């Protein structure tokens, strides 16, 4: 998403607020009053360093907050209704991003944590409804926490130091897996995945179609 489009969406969201924040009975965001019953919010490219105000939107189901230099994700822990969360390129200073506050977001279906300094996925291990995880260009190398994410359908791991994918062997609903630019050399764990329809290989090539994928994995 371009910065211009993100700014437009953010401006549109804030435009639903009341111009005079002094009389606000909702949540004040950048001097604008927003209603507490918002279901969707896009604050990407908003230059937010603190997201404490998000705890005032308990009904949020969709939140895009990528490209903000946020150091503390703890306010997200109270957003139990979230089904979509975009945290792409959050830590612009290169510091590690702690995902611990996400551990209780059991309604999550789509999560983007790409382009961040992340090594530990343990906070994601108990998200039973998670269907899509975008984690390309991170420092992830241990996929063990993903072993019980049986709803997972799409997993993007491009340009990560991942080398062992044995933890994925039980993810029978997986349909698309991107391993482009990884250090994976053994793909045998994928032979047990009956629904895999798209596979990005470590060498950069991509295979589509179950029959073609099975043929490559049989080699």
N, C-alpha and C. Protein backbone atom coordinates (compact mmCIF):
# COMPACT_ATOMS: atom_id res chain seq x y z
N UNK A 1 0.84 -1.20 0.00
CA UNK A 1 0.00 0.00 0.00
C UNK A 1 0.88 1.25 0.00
N UNK A 2 0.58 2.23 -0.84
CA UNK A 2 1.36 3.45 -0.91
C UNK A 2 1.10 4.32 0.31
N UNK A 3 2.07 5.19 0.60
CA UNK A 3 1.90 6.10 1.73
C UNK A 3 0.73 7.03 1.49
N UNK A 4 0.55 7.44 0.24
CA UNK A 4 -0.55 8.36 -0.07
C UNK A 4 -1.90 7.72 0.19
N UNK A 5 -2.03 6.45 -0.24
CA UNK A 5 -3.30 5.75 -0.03
C UNK A 5 -3.53 5.51 1.45
N UNK A 6 -2.47 5.11 2.17
CA UNK A 6 -2.60 4.87 3.61
C UNK A 6 -3.02 6.16 4.32
N UNK A 7 -2.42 7.26 3.92
CA UNK A 7 -2.75 8.55 4.54
C UNK A 7 -4.20 8.91 4.26
N UNK A 8 -4.66 8.59 3.05
CA UNK A 8 -6.05 8.87 2.68
C UNK A 8 -7.01 8.07 3.55
N UNK A 9 -6.69 6.77 3.74
CA UNK A 9 -7.54 5.91 4.56
C UNK A 9 -7.57 6.39 6.00
N UNK A 10 -6.38 6.76 6.51
CA UNK A 10 -6.30 7.26 7.87
C UNK A 10 -7.12 8.53 8.01
N UNK A 11 -6.98 9.42 7.03
CA UNK A 11 -7.74 10.67 7.08
C UNK A 11 -9.22 10.42 7.05
N UNK A 12 -9.64 9.43 6.26
CA UNK A 12 -11.06 9.10 6.17
C UNK A 12 -11.58 8.58 7.50
N UNK A 13 -10.76 7.74 8.16
CA UNK A 13 -11.16 7.18 9.45
C UNK A 13 -11.30 8.29 10.49
N UNK A 14 -10.31 9.18 10.51
CA UNK A 14 -10.35 10.26 11.48
C UNK A 14 -11.48 11.24 11.17
N UNK A 15 -11.87 11.31 9.91
CA UNK A 15 -12.94 12.23 9.53
C UNK A 15 -14.28 11.83 10.12
N UNK A 16 -14.39 10.59 10.57
CA UNK A 16 -15.65 10.16 11.19
C UNK A 16 -15.77 10.70 12.61
N UNK A 17 -14.70 11.29 13.10
CA UNK A 17 -14.71 11.80 14.46
C UNK A 17 -15.33 13.18 14.57
N UNK A 18 -15.34 13.69 15.75
CA UNK A 18 -15.90 15.02 16.03
C UNK A 18 -14.76 16.02 16.07
N UNK A 19 -14.91 17.13 15.38
CA UNK A 19 -13.81 18.07 15.22
C UNK A 19 -13.35 18.66 16.56
N UNK A 20 -14.26 18.80 17.50
CA UNK A 20 -13.90 19.41 18.78
C UNK A 20 -13.65 18.32 19.82
N UNK A 21 -12.38 17.96 19.98
CA UNK A 21 -12.02 16.88 20.89
C UNK A 21 -12.29 17.25 22.35
N UNK A 22 -12.43 18.56 22.61
CA UNK A 22 -12.67 18.98 24.00
C UNK A 22 -13.97 18.41 24.55
N UNK A 23 -14.93 18.14 23.70
CA UNK A 23 -16.22 17.62 24.15
C UNK A 23 -16.35 16.13 23.86
N UNK A 24 -15.23 15.46 23.67
CA UNK A 24 -15.22 14.06 23.22
C UNK A 24 -15.72 13.10 24.30
N UNK A 25 -16.66 12.23 23.89
CA UNK A 25 -17.08 11.16 24.79
C UNK A 25 -16.64 9.81 24.22
N UNK A 26 -15.70 9.88 23.27
CA UNK A 26 -15.12 8.67 22.67
C UNK A 26 -13.64 8.61 22.98
N UNK A 27 -12.82 8.44 21.93
CA UNK A 27 -11.37 8.37 22.08
C UNK A 27 -10.73 9.42 21.20
N UNK A 28 -9.84 10.22 21.76
CA UNK A 28 -9.17 11.27 21.02
C UNK A 28 -7.91 10.71 20.36
N UNK A 29 -7.85 10.84 19.03
CA UNK A 29 -6.68 10.42 18.25
C UNK A 29 -6.24 11.59 17.39
N UNK A 30 -5.08 12.09 17.66
CA UNK A 30 -4.56 13.26 16.93
C UNK A 30 -5.58 14.40 16.89
N UNK A 31 -6.07 14.73 18.07
CA UNK A 31 -7.00 15.85 18.26
C UNK A 31 -8.36 15.65 17.62
N UNK A 32 -8.68 14.41 17.26
CA UNK A 32 -9.99 14.10 16.69
C UNK A 32 -10.67 13.07 17.57
N UNK A 33 -11.96 13.25 17.80
CA UNK A 33 -12.72 12.33 18.64
C UNK A 33 -13.32 11.22 17.79
N UNK A 34 -12.98 9.98 18.11
CA UNK A 34 -13.50 8.83 17.37
C UNK A 34 -14.44 8.02 18.27
N UNK A 35 -15.49 7.45 17.71
CA UNK A 35 -16.42 6.63 18.51
C UNK A 35 -15.76 5.34 18.98
N UNK A 36 -16.11 4.89 20.14
CA UNK A 36 -15.48 3.71 20.72
C UNK A 36 -15.95 2.40 20.08
N UNK A 37 -17.00 2.47 19.27
CA UNK A 37 -17.53 1.24 18.69
C UNK A 37 -16.99 0.96 17.28
N UNK A 38 -15.87 1.58 16.93
CA UNK A 38 -15.27 1.33 15.61
C UNK A 38 -14.95 -0.15 15.44
N UNK A 39 -15.22 -0.66 14.22
CA UNK A 39 -14.88 -2.05 13.92
C UNK A 39 -13.64 -2.16 13.07
N UNK A 40 -13.31 -1.07 12.34
CA UNK A 40 -12.16 -1.04 11.45
C UNK A 40 -11.36 0.24 11.67
N UNK A 41 -10.03 0.12 11.63
CA UNK A 41 -9.20 1.30 11.80
C UNK A 41 -7.87 1.09 11.08
N UNK A 42 -7.49 2.08 10.27
CA UNK A 42 -6.21 2.05 9.58
C UNK A 42 -5.41 3.26 10.03
N UNK A 43 -4.32 3.01 10.75
CA UNK A 43 -3.46 4.10 11.20
C UNK A 43 -2.05 3.91 10.65
N UNK A 44 -1.91 3.14 9.57
CA UNK A 44 -0.59 2.92 8.98
C UNK A 44 0.01 4.25 8.52
N UNK A 45 1.33 4.34 8.60
CA UNK A 45 2.06 5.55 8.24
C UNK A 45 1.61 6.75 9.07
N UNK A 46 1.08 6.51 10.24
CA UNK A 46 0.54 7.60 11.05
C UNK A 46 1.54 8.25 11.98
N UNK A 47 2.80 7.77 11.98
CA UNK A 47 3.84 8.31 12.85
C UNK A 47 3.50 8.17 14.34
N UNK A 48 2.79 7.10 14.68
CA UNK A 48 2.45 6.85 16.08
C UNK A 48 3.60 6.13 16.77
N UNK A 49 4.02 6.63 17.91
CA UNK A 49 5.03 5.97 18.72
C UNK A 49 4.40 5.27 19.92
N UNK A 50 3.20 5.68 20.24
CA UNK A 50 2.46 5.13 21.38
C UNK A 50 1.04 4.80 20.91
N UNK A 51 0.57 3.60 21.22
CA UNK A 51 -0.77 3.19 20.76
C UNK A 51 -1.69 2.92 21.95
N UNK A 52 -1.46 3.58 23.04
CA UNK A 52 -2.28 3.39 24.24
C UNK A 52 -3.76 3.61 23.95
N UNK A 53 -4.06 4.51 23.01
CA UNK A 53 -5.45 4.87 22.72
C UNK A 53 -6.25 3.71 22.12
N UNK A 54 -5.57 2.70 21.57
CA UNK A 54 -6.27 1.59 20.93
C UNK A 54 -7.10 0.77 21.92
N UNK A 55 -6.72 0.78 23.18
CA UNK A 55 -7.48 0.03 24.17
C UNK A 55 -8.88 0.61 24.36
N UNK A 56 -9.10 1.78 23.81
CA UNK A 56 -10.42 2.40 23.89
C UNK A 56 -11.37 1.97 22.79
N UNK A 57 -10.90 1.03 21.92
CA UNK A 57 -11.74 0.52 20.83
C UNK A 57 -11.93 -0.98 20.98
N UNK A 58 -12.68 -1.43 21.97
CA UNK A 58 -12.80 -2.86 22.26
C UNK A 58 -13.49 -3.68 21.18
N UNK A 59 -14.17 -3.02 20.22
CA UNK A 59 -14.89 -3.75 19.18
C UNK A 59 -14.10 -3.87 17.87
N UNK A 60 -12.87 -3.40 17.87
CA UNK A 60 -12.08 -3.47 16.64
C UNK A 60 -11.91 -4.91 16.17
N UNK A 61 -12.18 -5.12 14.89
CA UNK A 61 -11.97 -6.42 14.26
C UNK A 61 -10.86 -6.34 13.20
N UNK A 62 -10.65 -5.15 12.66
CA UNK A 62 -9.66 -4.93 11.61
C UNK A 62 -8.77 -3.78 12.04
N UNK A 63 -7.46 -4.02 12.08
CA UNK A 63 -6.52 -2.97 12.46
C UNK A 63 -5.26 -3.05 11.61
N UNK A 64 -5.01 -2.00 10.85
CA UNK A 64 -3.77 -1.87 10.08
C UNK A 64 -2.96 -0.75 10.74
N UNK A 65 -1.82 -1.12 11.33
CA UNK A 65 -0.99 -0.13 11.99
C UNK A 65 0.47 -0.25 11.57
N UNK A 66 0.68 -0.73 10.35
CA UNK A 66 2.02 -0.88 9.85
C UNK A 66 2.75 0.45 9.67
N UNK A 67 4.08 0.37 9.63
CA UNK A 67 4.92 1.54 9.38
C UNK A 67 4.76 2.62 10.43
N UNK A 68 4.68 2.21 11.69
CA UNK A 68 4.69 3.14 12.81
C UNK A 68 5.81 2.73 13.77
N UNK A 69 6.59 3.67 14.28
CA UNK A 69 7.71 3.35 15.16
C UNK A 69 7.27 3.04 16.59
N UNK A 70 6.43 2.01 16.73
CA UNK A 70 5.88 1.66 18.04
C UNK A 70 6.83 0.74 18.81
N UNK A 71 7.03 1.02 20.08
CA UNK A 71 7.93 0.23 20.91
C UNK A 71 7.19 -0.70 21.87
N UNK A 72 5.91 -0.50 22.04
CA UNK A 72 5.16 -1.29 23.01
C UNK A 72 3.81 -1.69 22.42
N UNK A 73 3.62 -3.00 22.21
CA UNK A 73 2.38 -3.50 21.63
C UNK A 73 1.36 -3.93 22.69
N UNK A 74 1.65 -3.70 23.96
CA UNK A 74 0.78 -4.20 25.03
C UNK A 74 -0.67 -3.74 24.92
N UNK A 75 -0.99 -2.54 24.40
CA UNK A 75 -2.40 -2.15 24.28
C UNK A 75 -3.20 -3.09 23.38
N UNK A 76 -2.54 -3.83 22.51
CA UNK A 76 -3.25 -4.75 21.62
C UNK A 76 -3.84 -5.93 22.38
N UNK A 77 -3.30 -6.22 23.53
CA UNK A 77 -3.75 -7.37 24.30
C UNK A 77 -5.20 -7.34 24.69
N UNK A 78 -5.80 -6.15 24.72
CA UNK A 78 -7.20 -6.02 25.13
C UNK A 78 -8.17 -6.10 23.95
N UNK A 79 -7.64 -6.18 22.73
CA UNK A 79 -8.49 -6.17 21.54
C UNK A 79 -8.85 -7.59 21.13
N UNK A 80 -9.66 -8.22 21.95
CA UNK A 80 -9.96 -9.64 21.79
C UNK A 80 -10.80 -9.98 20.56
N UNK A 81 -11.39 -8.98 19.92
CA UNK A 81 -12.23 -9.25 18.75
C UNK A 81 -11.46 -9.14 17.43
N UNK A 82 -10.19 -8.79 17.48
CA UNK A 82 -9.42 -8.61 16.26
C UNK A 82 -9.37 -9.90 15.44
N UNK A 83 -9.69 -9.77 14.17
CA UNK A 83 -9.55 -10.89 13.23
C UNK A 83 -8.46 -10.60 12.20
N UNK A 84 -8.16 -9.32 11.99
CA UNK A 84 -7.12 -8.91 11.03
C UNK A 84 -6.20 -7.91 11.71
N UNK A 85 -4.88 -8.17 11.63
CA UNK A 85 -3.91 -7.27 12.25
C UNK A 85 -2.67 -7.17 11.37
N UNK A 86 -2.33 -5.95 10.98
CA UNK A 86 -1.15 -5.69 10.15
C UNK A 86 -0.14 -4.91 10.98
N UNK A 87 1.01 -5.56 11.24
CA UNK A 87 2.10 -4.95 11.97
C UNK A 87 3.34 -4.82 11.09
N UNK A 88 3.15 -4.78 9.79
CA UNK A 88 4.27 -4.75 8.87
C UNK A 88 5.20 -3.57 9.09
N UNK A 89 6.50 -3.86 9.18
CA UNK A 89 7.56 -2.86 9.34
C UNK A 89 7.24 -1.86 10.44
N UNK A 90 7.04 -2.40 11.64
CA UNK A 90 6.70 -1.54 12.77
C UNK A 90 7.91 -0.84 13.38
N UNK A 91 8.98 -1.59 13.57
CA UNK A 91 10.12 -1.02 14.29
C UNK A 91 11.13 -0.46 13.30
N UNK A 92 10.92 0.76 12.91
CA UNK A 92 11.76 1.38 11.90
C UNK A 92 13.18 1.64 12.40
N UNK A 93 13.41 1.55 13.72
CA UNK A 93 14.75 1.76 14.26
C UNK A 93 15.56 0.47 14.28
N UNK A 94 14.98 -0.63 13.83
CA UNK A 94 15.71 -1.89 13.75
C UNK A 94 15.72 -2.69 15.04
N UNK A 95 15.05 -2.21 16.09
CA UNK A 95 15.02 -2.93 17.36
C UNK A 95 14.01 -4.08 17.27
N UNK A 96 14.16 -5.06 18.16
CA UNK A 96 13.30 -6.25 18.15
C UNK A 96 11.86 -5.90 18.49
N UNK A 97 10.93 -6.61 17.84
CA UNK A 97 9.50 -6.42 18.09
C UNK A 97 9.00 -7.58 18.94
N UNK A 98 8.47 -7.28 20.12
CA UNK A 98 7.98 -8.30 21.04
C UNK A 98 6.51 -8.60 20.75
N UNK A 99 6.23 -9.84 20.35
CA UNK A 99 4.88 -10.24 19.99
C UNK A 99 4.07 -10.77 21.17
N UNK A 100 4.62 -10.78 22.36
CA UNK A 100 3.95 -11.36 23.53
C UNK A 100 2.51 -10.86 23.72
N UNK A 101 2.21 -9.57 23.49
CA UNK A 101 0.83 -9.09 23.70
C UNK A 101 -0.19 -9.73 22.77
N UNK A 102 0.26 -10.44 21.73
CA UNK A 102 -0.67 -11.05 20.79
C UNK A 102 -1.15 -12.43 21.25
N UNK A 103 -0.57 -12.95 22.29
CA UNK A 103 -0.83 -14.33 22.72
C UNK A 103 -2.30 -14.61 22.99
N UNK A 104 -3.04 -13.62 23.45
CA UNK A 104 -4.44 -13.84 23.79
C UNK A 104 -5.44 -13.45 22.71
N UNK A 105 -4.95 -13.08 21.54
CA UNK A 105 -5.84 -12.64 20.46
C UNK A 105 -6.32 -13.85 19.67
N UNK A 106 -7.13 -14.66 20.30
CA UNK A 106 -7.51 -15.96 19.74
C UNK A 106 -8.51 -15.88 18.59
N UNK A 107 -9.00 -14.68 18.29
CA UNK A 107 -9.93 -14.52 17.17
C UNK A 107 -9.20 -14.20 15.87
N UNK A 108 -7.89 -13.96 15.95
CA UNK A 108 -7.12 -13.56 14.77
C UNK A 108 -7.21 -14.59 13.65
N UNK A 109 -7.46 -14.09 12.45
CA UNK A 109 -7.51 -14.92 11.25
C UNK A 109 -6.35 -14.57 10.32
N UNK A 110 -6.04 -13.28 10.21
CA UNK A 110 -4.93 -12.84 9.36
C UNK A 110 -3.97 -11.97 10.17
N UNK A 111 -2.68 -12.26 10.04
CA UNK A 111 -1.66 -11.51 10.78
C UNK A 111 -0.45 -11.25 9.88
N UNK A 112 -0.03 -10.01 9.83
CA UNK A 112 1.15 -9.60 9.07
C UNK A 112 2.18 -9.04 10.03
N UNK A 113 3.33 -9.71 10.13
CA UNK A 113 4.43 -9.23 10.98
C UNK A 113 5.69 -9.05 10.15
N UNK A 114 5.53 -8.89 8.86
CA UNK A 114 6.67 -8.85 7.94
C UNK A 114 7.57 -7.64 8.15
N UNK A 115 8.82 -7.80 7.69
CA UNK A 115 9.80 -6.73 7.70
C UNK A 115 10.02 -6.15 9.09
N UNK A 116 10.14 -7.04 10.06
CA UNK A 116 10.45 -6.65 11.43
C UNK A 116 11.59 -7.52 11.96
N UNK A 117 12.24 -7.04 12.99
CA UNK A 117 13.28 -7.82 13.66
C UNK A 117 12.58 -8.72 14.67
N UNK A 118 12.20 -9.92 14.21
CA UNK A 118 11.47 -10.88 15.04
C UNK A 118 12.15 -12.24 14.96
N UNK A 119 12.39 -12.85 16.10
CA UNK A 119 12.98 -14.19 16.12
C UNK A 119 12.09 -15.20 16.84
N UNK A 120 11.24 -14.71 17.74
CA UNK A 120 10.45 -15.60 18.60
C UNK A 120 8.97 -15.55 18.24
N UNK A 121 8.45 -16.71 17.83
CA UNK A 121 7.03 -16.81 17.46
C UNK A 121 6.18 -17.48 18.53
N UNK A 122 6.71 -17.69 19.71
CA UNK A 122 6.00 -18.44 20.74
C UNK A 122 4.65 -17.83 21.09
N UNK A 123 4.50 -16.52 20.96
CA UNK A 123 3.24 -15.87 21.30
C UNK A 123 2.11 -16.26 20.34
N UNK A 124 2.47 -16.81 19.19
CA UNK A 124 1.47 -17.16 18.18
C UNK A 124 1.03 -18.62 18.28
N UNK A 125 1.58 -19.35 19.20
CA UNK A 125 1.35 -20.79 19.26
C UNK A 125 -0.04 -21.23 19.61
N UNK A 126 -0.85 -20.33 20.16
CA UNK A 126 -2.21 -20.71 20.57
C UNK A 126 -3.26 -19.81 19.95
N UNK A 127 -3.12 -19.60 18.64
CA UNK A 127 -4.10 -18.80 17.90
C UNK A 127 -4.85 -19.75 16.97
N UNK A 128 -5.88 -20.41 17.48
CA UNK A 128 -6.53 -21.52 16.76
C UNK A 128 -7.20 -21.16 15.44
N UNK A 129 -7.55 -19.88 15.26
CA UNK A 129 -8.28 -19.49 14.05
C UNK A 129 -7.37 -18.88 12.98
N UNK A 130 -6.09 -18.75 13.28
CA UNK A 130 -5.18 -18.10 12.35
C UNK A 130 -5.08 -18.86 11.03
N UNK A 131 -5.43 -18.20 9.94
CA UNK A 131 -5.40 -18.82 8.62
C UNK A 131 -4.28 -18.28 7.74
N UNK A 132 -3.83 -17.08 8.01
CA UNK A 132 -2.81 -16.47 7.17
C UNK A 132 -1.77 -15.76 8.03
N UNK A 133 -0.50 -16.14 7.84
CA UNK A 133 0.60 -15.50 8.57
C UNK A 133 1.62 -15.01 7.55
N UNK A 134 1.81 -13.71 7.51
CA UNK A 134 2.79 -13.10 6.63
C UNK A 134 3.99 -12.69 7.47
N UNK A 135 5.12 -13.35 7.25
CA UNK A 135 6.29 -13.12 8.10
C UNK A 135 7.57 -13.03 7.29
N UNK A 136 7.48 -12.55 6.05
CA UNK A 136 8.67 -12.46 5.23
C UNK A 136 9.62 -11.37 5.73
N UNK A 137 10.88 -11.52 5.39
CA UNK A 137 11.91 -10.55 5.75
C UNK A 137 11.95 -10.30 7.27
N UNK A 138 11.96 -11.38 8.03
CA UNK A 138 12.15 -11.31 9.48
C UNK A 138 13.35 -12.19 9.84
N UNK A 139 13.64 -12.31 11.13
CA UNK A 139 14.77 -13.13 11.56
C UNK A 139 14.31 -14.47 12.13
N UNK A 140 13.13 -14.90 11.76
CA UNK A 140 12.57 -16.15 12.24
C UNK A 140 13.41 -17.34 11.77
N UNK A 141 13.71 -18.25 12.70
CA UNK A 141 14.38 -19.49 12.29
C UNK A 141 13.81 -20.72 12.98
N UNK A 142 12.94 -20.52 13.95
CA UNK A 142 12.33 -21.64 14.67
C UNK A 142 10.82 -21.62 14.43
N UNK A 143 10.33 -22.63 13.71
CA UNK A 143 8.90 -22.70 13.38
C UNK A 143 8.11 -23.57 14.34
N UNK A 144 8.74 -24.10 15.37
CA UNK A 144 8.07 -25.00 16.30
C UNK A 144 6.77 -24.42 16.87
N UNK A 145 6.71 -23.11 17.19
CA UNK A 145 5.46 -22.56 17.75
C UNK A 145 4.28 -22.64 16.79
N UNK A 146 4.53 -22.88 15.51
CA UNK A 146 3.45 -22.93 14.53
C UNK A 146 2.85 -24.32 14.38
N UNK A 147 3.42 -25.29 15.03
CA UNK A 147 3.04 -26.70 14.82
C UNK A 147 1.58 -26.99 15.11
N UNK A 148 0.95 -26.20 15.98
CA UNK A 148 -0.45 -26.47 16.35
C UNK A 148 -1.44 -25.51 15.70
N UNK A 149 -0.98 -24.74 14.74
CA UNK A 149 -1.88 -23.80 14.06
C UNK A 149 -2.56 -24.52 12.90
N UNK A 150 -3.48 -25.39 13.23
CA UNK A 150 -4.08 -26.29 12.24
C UNK A 150 -5.05 -25.60 11.28
N UNK A 151 -5.39 -24.35 11.53
CA UNK A 151 -6.26 -23.61 10.61
C UNK A 151 -5.45 -22.88 9.54
N UNK A 152 -4.14 -22.88 9.69
CA UNK A 152 -3.28 -22.10 8.80
C UNK A 152 -3.40 -22.57 7.35
N UNK A 153 -3.67 -21.63 6.45
CA UNK A 153 -3.79 -21.93 5.02
C UNK A 153 -2.68 -21.27 4.20
N UNK A 154 -2.23 -20.09 4.65
CA UNK A 154 -1.19 -19.36 3.91
C UNK A 154 -0.07 -18.97 4.86
N UNK A 155 1.16 -19.30 4.47
CA UNK A 155 2.32 -18.99 5.31
C UNK A 155 3.42 -18.41 4.43
N UNK A 156 3.80 -17.17 4.72
CA UNK A 156 4.82 -16.49 3.94
C UNK A 156 6.09 -16.32 4.77
N UNK A 157 7.16 -16.99 4.35
CA UNK A 157 8.41 -16.97 5.08
C UNK A 157 9.58 -16.52 4.20
N UNK A 158 9.28 -15.83 3.13
CA UNK A 158 10.34 -15.43 2.22
C UNK A 158 11.43 -14.61 2.92
N UNK A 159 12.66 -14.84 2.48
CA UNK A 159 13.81 -14.06 2.96
C UNK A 159 13.96 -14.08 4.48
N UNK A 160 13.82 -15.25 5.04
CA UNK A 160 14.09 -15.48 6.46
C UNK A 160 15.17 -16.55 6.58
N UNK A 161 15.83 -16.67 7.73
CA UNK A 161 16.86 -17.69 7.89
C UNK A 161 16.33 -19.07 8.24
N UNK A 162 15.06 -19.33 7.97
CA UNK A 162 14.47 -20.63 8.25
C UNK A 162 15.21 -21.73 7.49
N UNK A 163 15.53 -22.82 8.19
CA UNK A 163 16.20 -23.96 7.54
C UNK A 163 15.46 -25.27 7.79
N UNK A 164 14.72 -25.34 8.89
CA UNK A 164 14.01 -26.57 9.26
C UNK A 164 12.51 -26.32 9.24
N UNK A 165 11.79 -27.06 8.38
CA UNK A 165 10.34 -26.88 8.28
C UNK A 165 9.58 -28.10 8.77
N UNK A 166 10.22 -28.94 9.54
CA UNK A 166 9.57 -30.16 10.03
C UNK A 166 8.33 -29.86 10.87
N UNK A 167 8.29 -28.70 11.50
CA UNK A 167 7.13 -28.33 12.34
C UNK A 167 5.87 -28.14 11.53
N UNK A 168 5.99 -28.01 10.22
CA UNK A 168 4.83 -27.77 9.36
C UNK A 168 4.15 -29.05 8.90
N UNK A 169 4.72 -30.18 9.22
CA UNK A 169 4.22 -31.46 8.70
C UNK A 169 2.78 -31.76 9.08
N UNK A 170 2.30 -31.22 10.18
CA UNK A 170 0.94 -31.50 10.63
C UNK A 170 -0.08 -30.45 10.24
N UNK A 171 0.32 -29.45 9.47
CA UNK A 171 -0.59 -28.37 9.09
C UNK A 171 -1.34 -28.77 7.82
N UNK A 172 -2.30 -29.65 7.97
CA UNK A 172 -2.96 -30.29 6.83
C UNK A 172 -3.82 -29.35 5.99
N UNK A 173 -4.14 -28.17 6.51
CA UNK A 173 -4.95 -27.23 5.76
C UNK A 173 -4.11 -26.23 4.96
N UNK A 174 -2.80 -26.34 5.07
CA UNK A 174 -1.92 -25.40 4.39
C UNK A 174 -2.09 -25.50 2.87
N UNK A 175 -2.36 -24.36 2.24
CA UNK A 175 -2.58 -24.31 0.80
C UNK A 175 -1.47 -23.58 0.05
N UNK A 176 -0.86 -22.60 0.71
CA UNK A 176 0.20 -21.82 0.07
C UNK A 176 1.35 -21.61 1.05
N UNK A 177 2.56 -21.94 0.59
CA UNK A 177 3.74 -21.81 1.43
C UNK A 177 4.85 -21.16 0.61
N UNK A 178 5.38 -20.08 1.13
CA UNK A 178 6.43 -19.34 0.44
C UNK A 178 7.75 -19.48 1.19
N UNK A 179 8.69 -20.17 0.58
CA UNK A 179 10.00 -20.41 1.18
C UNK A 179 11.11 -19.75 0.36
N UNK A 180 10.75 -18.88 -0.54
CA UNK A 180 11.71 -18.21 -1.39
C UNK A 180 12.77 -17.49 -0.54
N UNK A 181 14.02 -17.71 -0.87
CA UNK A 181 15.09 -17.01 -0.18
C UNK A 181 15.38 -17.51 1.21
N UNK A 182 14.89 -18.70 1.56
CA UNK A 182 15.19 -19.28 2.86
C UNK A 182 16.38 -20.25 2.74
N UNK A 183 16.75 -20.86 3.85
CA UNK A 183 17.88 -21.80 3.86
C UNK A 183 17.41 -23.25 3.92
N UNK A 184 16.16 -23.49 3.56
CA UNK A 184 15.59 -24.84 3.61
C UNK A 184 16.19 -25.71 2.50
N UNK A 185 16.63 -26.90 2.89
CA UNK A 185 17.18 -27.84 1.90
C UNK A 185 16.39 -29.14 1.88
N UNK A 186 15.65 -29.42 2.94
CA UNK A 186 14.86 -30.65 3.04
C UNK A 186 13.37 -30.31 3.04
N UNK A 187 12.68 -30.70 1.98
CA UNK A 187 11.25 -30.39 1.84
C UNK A 187 10.37 -31.59 2.16
N UNK A 188 10.94 -32.66 2.66
CA UNK A 188 10.19 -33.90 2.85
C UNK A 188 9.01 -33.75 3.80
N UNK A 189 9.08 -32.82 4.73
CA UNK A 189 7.98 -32.61 5.69
C UNK A 189 6.70 -32.20 4.99
N UNK A 190 6.81 -31.68 3.78
CA UNK A 190 5.64 -31.19 3.05
C UNK A 190 4.88 -32.29 2.34
N UNK A 191 5.42 -33.49 2.29
CA UNK A 191 4.75 -34.59 1.59
C UNK A 191 3.45 -34.99 2.26
N UNK A 192 3.29 -34.62 3.52
CA UNK A 192 2.08 -35.01 4.26
C UNK A 192 0.95 -33.99 4.13
N UNK A 193 1.19 -32.92 3.35
CA UNK A 193 0.20 -31.84 3.25
C UNK A 193 -0.67 -32.04 2.01
N UNK A 194 -1.90 -32.50 2.18
CA UNK A 194 -2.75 -32.87 1.05
C UNK A 194 -3.34 -31.70 0.27
N UNK A 195 -3.34 -30.50 0.86
CA UNK A 195 -4.01 -29.37 0.22
C UNK A 195 -3.05 -28.32 -0.33
N UNK A 196 -1.77 -28.59 -0.30
CA UNK A 196 -0.78 -27.61 -0.77
C UNK A 196 -0.92 -27.39 -2.28
N UNK A 197 -1.21 -26.14 -2.66
CA UNK A 197 -1.45 -25.81 -4.06
C UNK A 197 -0.45 -24.81 -4.63
N UNK A 198 0.27 -24.15 -3.75
CA UNK A 198 1.28 -23.19 -4.19
C UNK A 198 2.49 -23.31 -3.29
N UNK A 199 3.66 -23.46 -3.91
CA UNK A 199 4.89 -23.63 -3.15
C UNK A 199 5.99 -22.76 -3.75
N UNK A 200 6.48 -21.82 -2.96
CA UNK A 200 7.62 -21.02 -3.36
C UNK A 200 8.88 -21.70 -2.85
N UNK A 201 9.77 -22.05 -3.75
CA UNK A 201 10.96 -22.81 -3.39
C UNK A 201 12.11 -21.89 -2.96
N UNK A 202 13.04 -22.43 -2.17
CA UNK A 202 14.17 -21.62 -1.70
C UNK A 202 14.98 -20.99 -2.83
N UNK A 203 15.01 -21.63 -4.00
CA UNK A 203 15.78 -21.08 -5.12
C UNK A 203 15.06 -19.95 -5.85
N UNK A 204 13.87 -19.60 -5.39
CA UNK A 204 13.15 -18.49 -5.98
C UNK A 204 12.05 -18.88 -6.95
N UNK A 205 12.05 -20.14 -7.39
CA UNK A 205 11.00 -20.57 -8.32
C UNK A 205 9.71 -20.87 -7.57
N UNK A 206 8.61 -20.92 -8.32
CA UNK A 206 7.30 -21.16 -7.71
C UNK A 206 6.58 -22.26 -8.47
N UNK A 207 5.95 -23.16 -7.71
CA UNK A 207 5.21 -24.26 -8.31
C UNK A 207 3.75 -24.13 -7.90
N UNK A 208 2.87 -24.28 -8.87
CA UNK A 208 1.44 -24.24 -8.59
C UNK A 208 0.79 -25.53 -9.07
N UNK A 209 -0.21 -25.97 -8.33
CA UNK A 209 -0.91 -27.21 -8.68
C UNK A 209 -0.43 -28.37 -7.84
N UNK A 210 -1.37 -29.10 -7.28
CA UNK A 210 -1.03 -30.19 -6.37
C UNK A 210 -0.19 -31.28 -7.04
N UNK A 211 -0.52 -31.62 -8.26
CA UNK A 211 0.21 -32.70 -8.93
C UNK A 211 1.67 -32.32 -9.17
N UNK A 212 1.91 -31.09 -9.57
CA UNK A 212 3.29 -30.64 -9.81
C UNK A 212 4.08 -30.57 -8.50
N UNK A 213 3.41 -30.11 -7.46
CA UNK A 213 4.08 -30.04 -6.16
C UNK A 213 4.44 -31.43 -5.65
N UNK A 214 3.52 -32.35 -5.78
CA UNK A 214 3.78 -33.74 -5.35
C UNK A 214 4.94 -34.34 -6.11
N UNK A 215 5.04 -34.02 -7.39
CA UNK A 215 6.12 -34.56 -8.21
C UNK A 215 7.47 -34.03 -7.73
N UNK A 216 7.53 -32.74 -7.41
CA UNK A 216 8.78 -32.16 -6.93
C UNK A 216 9.15 -32.73 -5.57
N UNK A 217 8.18 -32.88 -4.70
CA UNK A 217 8.45 -33.38 -3.35
C UNK A 217 8.82 -34.87 -3.37
N UNK A 218 8.47 -35.57 -4.41
CA UNK A 218 8.79 -36.98 -4.51
C UNK A 218 10.22 -37.22 -4.97
N UNK A 219 10.86 -36.19 -5.46
CA UNK A 219 12.23 -36.34 -5.98
C UNK A 219 13.23 -36.61 -4.87
